[in-house]
Amino acid sequence: MSSSAIATVIKMLESLPEETQERVVDHLREYLSDLLDEEEWNARFKRSQPQLKGLARRARQEIAEGKAKPLDLKEL
């Protein structure tokens, strides 16, 4: 975000009553925290792709060899 965009947001916040400013800041903190969590999840998921591909390959092989059976939810 450009410094002019940040300045605009600050001016918008400053025009609000203090209690409303606090609410907006709380929402922004929560939103930013969620964004960072999502970015971390995406990075971890991307790093796990080789392992997931290996597990999928193994599952297909076991199915082809007749070593796998359909999932019975009642057995869980």
PDB file of N, CA and C in Angstrom:
ATOM      1  N   MET A   1       0.855  -1.166   0.000  1.00  0.00           N
ATOM      2  CA  MET A   1       0.000   0.000   0.000  1.00  0.00           C
ATOM      3  C   MET A   1       0.905   1.233   0.000  1.00  0.00           C
ATOM      4  N   SER A   2       0.530   2.186  -0.790  1.00  0.00           N
ATOM      5  CA  SER A   2       1.353   3.395  -0.877  1.00  0.00           C
ATOM      6  C   SER A   2       1.167   4.244   0.370  1.00  0.00           C
ATOM      7  N   SER A   3       2.151   5.119   0.592  1.00  0.00           N
ATOM      8  CA  SER A   3       2.066   5.977   1.775  1.00  0.00           C
ATOM      9  C   SER A   3       0.870   6.919   1.676  1.00  0.00           C
ATOM     10  N   SER A   4       0.453   7.288   0.451  1.00  0.00           N
ATOM     11  CA  SER A   4      -0.724   8.148   0.315  1.00  0.00           C
ATOM     12  C   SER A   4      -1.993   7.384   0.698  1.00  0.00           C
ATOM     13  N   ALA A   5      -2.046   6.092   0.393  1.00  0.00           N
ATOM     14  CA  ALA A   5      -3.203   5.284   0.791  1.00  0.00           C
ATOM     15  C   ALA A   5      -3.259   5.155   2.302  1.00  0.00           C
ATOM     16  N   ILE A   6      -2.114   4.961   2.916  1.00  0.00           N
ATOM     17  CA  ILE A   6      -2.061   4.865   4.376  1.00  0.00           C
ATOM     18  C   ILE A   6      -2.480   6.197   4.999  1.00  0.00           C
ATOM     19  N   ALA A   7      -2.015   7.292   4.436  1.00  0.00           N
ATOM     20  CA  ALA A   7      -2.389   8.615   4.948  1.00  0.00           C
ATOM     21  C   ALA A   7      -3.896   8.819   4.835  1.00  0.00           C
ATOM     22  N   THR A   8      -4.494   8.350   3.736  1.00  0.00           N
ATOM     23  CA  THR A   8      -5.944   8.466   3.556  1.00  0.00           C
ATOM     24  C   THR A   8      -6.687   7.683   4.628  1.00  0.00           C
ATOM     25  N   VAL A   9      -6.221   6.464   4.902  1.00  0.00           N
ATOM     26  CA  VAL A   9      -6.854   5.638   5.928  1.00  0.00           C
ATOM     27  C   VAL A   9      -6.732   6.312   7.293  1.00  0.00           C
ATOM     28  N   ILE A  10      -5.576   6.853   7.578  1.00  0.00           N
ATOM     29  CA  ILE A  10      -5.368   7.537   8.857  1.00  0.00           C
ATOM     30  C   ILE A  10      -6.322   8.725   8.981  1.00  0.00           C
ATOM     31  N   LYS A  11      -6.458   9.508   7.906  1.00  0.00           N
ATOM     32  CA  LYS A  11      -7.371  10.659   7.941  1.00  0.00           C
ATOM     33  C   LYS A  11      -8.807  10.192   8.172  1.00  0.00           C
ATOM     34  N   MET A  12      -9.172   9.091   7.536  1.00  0.00           N
ATOM     35  CA  MET A  12     -10.526   8.553   7.712  1.00  0.00           C
ATOM     36  C   MET A  12     -10.735   8.148   9.168  1.00  0.00           C
ATOM     37  N   LEU A  13      -9.750   7.467   9.740  1.00  0.00           N
ATOM     38  CA  LEU A  13      -9.861   7.042  11.134  1.00  0.00           C
ATOM     39  C   LEU A  13      -9.932   8.239  12.077  1.00  0.00           C
ATOM     40  N   GLU A  14      -9.112   9.238  11.807  1.00  0.00           N
ATOM     41  CA  GLU A  14      -9.073  10.409  12.682  1.00  0.00           C
ATOM     42  C   GLU A  14     -10.395  11.170  12.679  1.00  0.00           C
ATOM     43  N   SER A  15     -11.176  11.003  11.612  1.00  0.00           N
ATOM     44  CA  SER A  15     -12.463  11.710  11.546  1.00  0.00           C
ATOM     45  C   SER A  15     -13.543  11.012  12.372  1.00  0.00           C
ATOM     46  N   LEU A  16     -13.242   9.822  12.852  1.00  0.00           N
ATOM     47  CA  LEU A  16     -14.213   9.041  13.629  1.00  0.00           C
ATOM     48  C   LEU A  16     -14.065   9.316  15.118  1.00  0.00           C
ATOM     49  N   PRO A  17     -15.147   9.094  15.866  1.00  0.00           N
ATOM     50  CA  PRO A  17     -15.025   9.204  17.332  1.00  0.00           C
ATOM     51  C   PRO A  17     -14.018   8.157  17.841  1.00  0.00           C
ATOM     52  N   GLU A  18     -13.397   8.442  18.968  1.00  0.00           N
ATOM     53  CA  GLU A  18     -12.341   7.580  19.484  1.00  0.00           C
ATOM     54  C   GLU A  18     -12.816   6.140  19.705  1.00  0.00           C
ATOM     55  N   GLU A  19     -14.018   5.979  20.220  1.00  0.00           N
ATOM     56  CA  GLU A  19     -14.543   4.624  20.453  1.00  0.00           C
ATOM     57  C   GLU A  19     -14.660   3.849  19.131  1.00  0.00           C
ATOM     58  N   THR A  20     -15.100   4.530  18.100  1.00  0.00           N
ATOM     59  CA  THR A  20     -15.220   3.897  16.782  1.00  0.00           C
ATOM     60  C   THR A  20     -13.836   3.579  16.220  1.00  0.00           C
ATOM     61  N   GLN A  21     -12.886   4.482  16.445  1.00  0.00           N
ATOM     62  CA  GLN A  21     -11.506   4.220  16.007  1.00  0.00           C
ATOM     63  C   GLN A  21     -10.990   2.927  16.627  1.00  0.00           C
ATOM     64  N   GLU A  22     -11.248   2.766  17.925  1.00  0.00           N
ATOM     65  CA  GLU A  22     -10.796   1.558  18.611  1.00  0.00           C
ATOM     66  C   GLU A  22     -11.435   0.309  18.013  1.00  0.00           C
ATOM     67  N   ARG A  23     -12.721   0.396  17.692  1.00  0.00           N
ATOM     68  CA  ARG A  23     -13.408  -0.749  17.087  1.00  0.00           C
ATOM     69  C   ARG A  23     -12.809  -1.085  15.728  1.00  0.00           C
ATOM     70  N   VAL A  24     -12.529  -0.057  14.939  1.00  0.00           N
ATOM     71  CA  VAL A  24     -11.944  -0.276  13.612  1.00  0.00           C
ATOM     72  C   VAL A  24     -10.564  -0.917  13.753  1.00  0.00           C
ATOM     73  N   VAL A  25      -9.771  -0.412  14.678  1.00  0.00           N
ATOM     74  CA  VAL A  25      -8.434  -0.958  14.897  1.00  0.00           C
ATOM     75  C   VAL A  25      -8.523  -2.417  15.345  1.00  0.00           C
ATOM     76  N   ASP A  26      -9.463  -2.726  16.220  1.00  0.00           N
ATOM     77  CA  ASP A  26      -9.650  -4.121  16.648  1.00  0.00           C
ATOM     78  C   ASP A  26      -9.998  -5.013  15.456  1.00  0.00           C
ATOM     79  N   HIS A  27     -10.891  -4.524  14.599  1.00  0.00           N
ATOM     80  CA  HIS A  27     -11.257  -5.302  13.402  1.00  0.00           C
ATOM     81  C   HIS A  27     -10.060  -5.482  12.468  1.00  0.00           C
ATOM     82  N   LEU A  28      -9.289  -4.419  12.305  1.00  0.00           N
ATOM     83  CA  LEU A  28      -8.102  -4.510  11.446  1.00  0.00           C
ATOM     84  C   LEU A  28      -7.091  -5.509  11.993  1.00  0.00           C
ATOM     85  N   ARG A  29      -6.880  -5.500  13.293  1.00  0.00           N
ATOM     86  CA  ARG A  29      -5.957  -6.461  13.904  1.00  0.00           C
ATOM     87  C   ARG A  29      -6.412  -7.897  13.641  1.00  0.00           C
ATOM     88  N   GLU A  30      -7.709  -8.133  13.840  1.00  0.00           N
ATOM     89  CA  GLU A  30      -8.251  -9.470  13.622  1.00  0.00           C
ATOM     90  C   GLU A  30      -8.127  -9.865  12.149  1.00  0.00           C
ATOM     91  N   TYR A  31      -8.445  -8.938  11.256  1.00  0.00           N
ATOM     92  CA  TYR A  31      -8.363  -9.201   9.819  1.00  0.00           C
ATOM     93  C   TYR A  31      -6.928  -9.510   9.397  1.00  0.00           C
ATOM     94  N   LEU A  32      -5.987  -8.704   9.874  1.00  0.00           N
ATOM     95  CA  LEU A  32      -4.583  -8.926   9.534  1.00  0.00           C
ATOM     96  C   LEU A  32      -4.078 -10.248  10.103  1.00  0.00           C
ATOM     97  N   SER A  33      -4.512 -10.582  11.297  1.00  0.00           N
ATOM     98  CA  SER A  33      -4.131 -11.857  11.900  1.00  0.00           C
ATOM     99  C   SER A  33      -4.652 -13.017  11.060  1.00  0.00           C
ATOM    100  N   ASP A  34      -5.901 -12.915  10.604  1.00  0.00           N
ATOM    101  CA  ASP A  34      -6.477 -13.953   9.750  1.00  0.00           C
ATOM    102  C   ASP A  34      -5.704 -14.072   8.431  1.00  0.00           C
ATOM    103  N   LEU A  35      -5.347 -12.939   7.861  1.00  0.00           N
ATOM    104  CA  LEU A  35      -4.578 -12.958   6.606  1.00  0.00           C
ATOM    105  C   LEU A  35      -3.231 -13.644   6.797  1.00  0.00           C
ATOM    106  N   LEU A  36      -2.545 -13.327   7.888  1.00  0.00           N
ATOM    107  CA  LEU A  36      -1.244 -13.943   8.148  1.00  0.00           C
ATOM    108  C   LEU A  36      -1.386 -15.438   8.387  1.00  0.00           C
ATOM    109  N   ASP A  37      -2.439 -15.837   9.106  1.00  0.00           N
ATOM    110  CA  ASP A  37      -2.690 -17.262   9.326  1.00  0.00           C
ATOM    111  C   ASP A  37      -2.937 -17.981   8.006  1.00  0.00           C
ATOM    112  N   GLU A  38      -3.718 -17.352   7.133  1.00  0.00           N
ATOM    113  CA  GLU A  38      -4.013 -17.959   5.831  1.00  0.00           C
ATOM    114  C   GLU A  38      -2.750 -18.083   4.981  1.00  0.00           C
ATOM    115  N   GLU A  39      -1.910 -17.059   5.000  1.00  0.00           N
ATOM    116  CA  GLU A  39      -0.649 -17.120   4.252  1.00  0.00           C
ATOM    117  C   GLU A  39       0.238 -18.249   4.774  1.00  0.00           C
ATOM    118  N   GLU A  40       0.300 -18.403   6.092  1.00  0.00           N
ATOM    119  CA  GLU A  40       1.107 -19.476   6.684  1.00  0.00           C
ATOM    120  C   GLU A  40       0.541 -20.836   6.295  1.00  0.00           C
ATOM    121  N   TRP A  41      -0.775 -20.988   6.348  1.00  0.00           N
ATOM    122  CA  TRP A  41      -1.404 -22.252   5.960  1.00  0.00           C
ATOM    123  C   TRP A  41      -1.080 -22.570   4.508  1.00  0.00           C
ATOM    124  N   ASN A  42      -1.217 -21.571   3.630  1.00  0.00           N
ATOM    125  CA  ASN A  42      -0.919 -21.784   2.214  1.00  0.00           C
ATOM    126  C   ASN A  42       0.531 -22.190   2.002  1.00  0.00           C
ATOM    127  N   ALA A  43       1.445 -21.571   2.718  1.00  0.00           N
ATOM    128  CA  ALA A  43       2.866 -21.918   2.593  1.00  0.00           C
ATOM    129  C   ALA A  43       3.116 -23.347   3.065  1.00  0.00           C
ATOM    130  N   ARG A  44       2.507 -23.732   4.173  1.00  0.00           N
ATOM    131  CA  ARG A  44       2.672 -25.102   4.672  1.00  0.00           C
ATOM    132  C   ARG A  44       2.067 -26.110   3.706  1.00  0.00           C
ATOM    133  N   PHE A  45       0.900 -25.779   3.163  1.00  0.00           N
ATOM    134  CA  PHE A  45       0.248 -26.675   2.206  1.00  0.00           C
ATOM    135  C   PHE A  45       1.134 -26.854   0.976  1.00  0.00           C
ATOM    136  N   LYS A  46       1.702 -25.768   0.486  1.00  0.00           N
ATOM    137  CA  LYS A  46       2.573 -25.840  -0.687  1.00  0.00           C
ATOM    138  C   LYS A  46       3.795 -26.716  -0.400  1.00  0.00           C
ATOM    139  N   ARG A  47       4.356 -26.574   0.802  1.00  0.00           N
ATOM    140  CA  ARG A  47       5.530 -27.378   1.148  1.00  0.00           C
ATOM    141  C   ARG A  47       5.187 -28.859   1.298  1.00  0.00           C
ATOM    142  N   SER A  48       3.916 -29.157   1.594  1.00  0.00           N
ATOM    143  CA  SER A  48       3.524 -30.554   1.806  1.00  0.00           C
ATOM    144  C   SER A  48       3.153 -31.273   0.509  1.00  0.00           C
ATOM    145  N   GLN A  49       3.124 -30.570  -0.603  1.00  0.00           N
ATOM    146  CA  GLN A  49       2.691 -31.178  -1.854  1.00  0.00           C
ATOM    147  C   GLN A  49       3.479 -32.423  -2.249  1.00  0.00           C
ATOM    148  N   PRO A  50       4.809 -32.417  -2.150  1.00  0.00           N
ATOM    149  CA  PRO A  50       5.547 -33.638  -2.511  1.00  0.00           C
ATOM    150  C   PRO A  50       5.127 -34.843  -1.658  1.00  0.00           C
ATOM    151  N   GLN A  51       4.915 -34.625  -0.372  1.00  0.00           N
ATOM    152  CA  GLN A  51       4.484 -35.714   0.504  1.00  0.00           C
ATOM    153  C   GLN A  51       3.088 -36.196   0.127  1.00  0.00           C
ATOM    154  N   LEU A  52       2.192 -35.258  -0.151  1.00  0.00           N
ATOM    155  CA  LEU A  52       0.827 -35.630  -0.516  1.00  0.00           C
ATOM    156  C   LEU A  52       0.805 -36.398  -1.840  1.00  0.00           C
ATOM    157  N   LYS A  53       1.628 -35.967  -2.784  1.00  0.00           N
ATOM    158  CA  LYS A  53       1.692 -36.681  -4.063  1.00  0.00           C
ATOM    159  C   LYS A  53       2.210 -38.103  -3.850  1.00  0.00           C
ATOM    160  N   GLY A  54       3.190 -38.254  -2.977  1.00  0.00           N
ATOM    161  CA  GLY A  54       3.731 -39.578  -2.677  1.00  0.00           C
ATOM    162  C   GLY A  54       2.685 -40.471  -2.030  1.00  0.00           C
ATOM    163  N   LEU A  55       1.916 -39.910  -1.108  1.00  0.00           N
ATOM    164  CA  LEU A  55       0.865 -40.680  -0.455  1.00  0.00           C
ATOM    165  C   LEU A  55      -0.233 -41.068  -1.446  1.00  0.00           C
ATOM    166  N   ALA A  56      -0.565 -40.179  -2.359  1.00  0.00           N
ATOM    167  CA  ALA A  56      -1.576 -40.487  -3.375  1.00  0.00           C
ATOM    168  C   ALA A  56      -1.076 -41.589  -4.302  1.00  0.00           C
ATOM    169  N   ARG A  57       0.179 -41.503  -4.678  1.00  0.00           N
ATOM    170  CA  ARG A  57       0.780 -42.535  -5.539  1.00  0.00           C
ATOM    171  C   ARG A  57       0.731 -43.899  -4.837  1.00  0.00           C
ATOM    172  N   ARG A  58       1.061 -43.897  -3.561  1.00  0.00           N
ATOM    173  CA  ARG A  58       1.044 -45.143  -2.782  1.00  0.00           C
ATOM    174  C   ARG A  58      -0.382 -45.697  -2.681  1.00  0.00           C
ATOM    175  N   ALA A  59      -1.363 -44.814  -2.451  1.00  0.00           N
ATOM    176  CA  ALA A  59      -2.756 -45.254  -2.354  1.00  0.00           C
ATOM    177  C   ALA A  59      -3.220 -45.868  -3.672  1.00  0.00           C
ATOM    178  N   ARG A  60      -2.875 -45.218  -4.801  1.00  0.00           N
ATOM    179  CA  ARG A  60      -3.259 -45.779  -6.110  1.00  0.00           C
ATOM    180  C   ARG A  60      -2.620 -47.143  -6.323  1.00  0.00           C
ATOM    181  N   GLN A  61      -1.370 -47.288  -5.901  1.00  0.00           N
ATOM    182  CA  GLN A  61      -0.670 -48.560  -6.055  1.00  0.00           C
ATOM    183  C   GLN A  61      -1.344 -49.641  -5.208  1.00  0.00           C
ATOM    184  N   GLU A  62      -1.687 -49.309  -3.971  1.00  0.00           N
ATOM    185  CA  GLU A  62      -2.335 -50.288  -3.098  1.00  0.00           C
ATOM    186  C   GLU A  62      -3.715 -50.677  -3.635  1.00  0.00           C
ATOM    187  N   ILE A  63      -4.427 -49.727  -4.217  1.00  0.00           N
ATOM    188  CA  ILE A  63      -5.721 -50.040  -4.823  1.00  0.00           C
ATOM    189  C   ILE A  63      -5.517 -50.992  -5.996  1.00  0.00           C
ATOM    190  N   ALA A  64      -4.531 -50.694  -6.835  1.00  0.00           N
ATOM    191  CA  ALA A  64      -4.257 -51.536  -7.997  1.00  0.00           C
ATOM    192  C   ALA A  64      -3.841 -52.948  -7.583  1.00  0.00           C
ATOM    193  N   GLU A  65      -3.158 -53.067  -6.460  1.00  0.00           N
ATOM    194  CA  GLU A  65      -2.696 -54.377  -5.978  1.00  0.00           C
ATOM    195  C   GLU A  65      -3.763 -55.101  -5.149  1.00  0.00           C
ATOM    196  N   GLY A  66      -4.918 -54.491  -4.981  1.00  0.00           N
ATOM    197  CA  GLY A  66      -5.988 -55.117  -4.219  1.00  0.00           C
ATOM    198  C   GLY A  66      -5.773 -55.075  -2.715  1.00  0.00           C
ATOM    199  N   LYS A  67      -4.873 -54.239  -2.242  1.00  0.00           N
ATOM    200  CA  LYS A  67      -4.579 -54.147  -0.809  1.00  0.00           C
ATOM    201  C   LYS A  67      -5.511 -53.174  -0.085  1.00  0.00           C
ATOM    202  N   ALA A  68      -6.295 -52.423  -0.822  1.00  0.00           N
ATOM    203  CA  ALA A  68      -7.165 -51.417  -0.214  1.00  0.00           C
ATOM    204  C   ALA A  68      -8.607 -51.896  -0.297  1.00  0.00           C
ATOM    205  N   LYS A  69      -9.411 -51.405   0.623  1.00  0.00           N
ATOM    206  CA  LYS A  69     -10.835 -51.734   0.590  1.00  0.00           C
ATOM    207  C   LYS A  69     -11.614 -50.442   0.787  1.00  0.00           C
ATOM    208  N   PRO A  70     -12.861 -50.407   0.333  1.00  0.00           N
ATOM    209  CA  PRO A  70     -13.666 -49.194   0.491  1.00  0.00           C
ATOM    210  C   PRO A  70     -13.809 -48.801   1.956  1.00  0.00           C
ATOM    211  N   LEU A  71     -13.883 -47.520   2.206  1.00  0.00           N
ATOM    212  CA  LEU A  71     -14.020 -47.001   3.566  1.00  0.00           C
ATOM    213  C   LEU A  71     -15.426 -47.283   4.079  1.00  0.00           C
ATOM    214  N   ASP A  72     -15.509 -47.883   5.240  1.00  0.00           N
ATOM    215  CA  ASP A  72     -16.796 -48.125   5.911  1.00  0.00           C
ATOM    216  C   ASP A  72     -16.854 -47.190   7.109  1.00  0.00           C
ATOM    217  N   LEU A  73     -17.705 -46.178   7.008  1.00  0.00           N
ATOM    218  CA  LEU A  73     -17.791 -45.171   8.059  1.00  0.00           C
ATOM    219  C   LEU A  73     -18.214 -45.773   9.397  1.00  0.00           C
ATOM    220  N   LYS A  74     -18.880 -46.894   9.373  1.00  0.00           N
ATOM    221  CA  LYS A  74     -19.302 -47.530  10.614  1.00  0.00           C
ATOM    222  C   LYS A  74     -18.108 -48.111  11.387  1.00  0.00           C
ATOM    223  N   GLU A  75     -17.009 -48.351  10.676  1.00  0.00           N
ATOM    224  CA  GLU A  75     -15.818 -48.898  11.322  1.00  0.00           C
ATOM    225  C   GLU A  75     -15.005 -47.820  12.038  1.00  0.00           C
ATOM    226  N   LEU A  76     -15.292 -46.567  11.766  1.00  0.00           N
ATOM    227  CA  LEU A  76     -14.511 -45.481  12.361  1.00  0.00           C
ATOM    228  C   LEU A  76     -14.822 -45.288  13.815  1.00  0.00           C
TER     229      LEU A  76
END
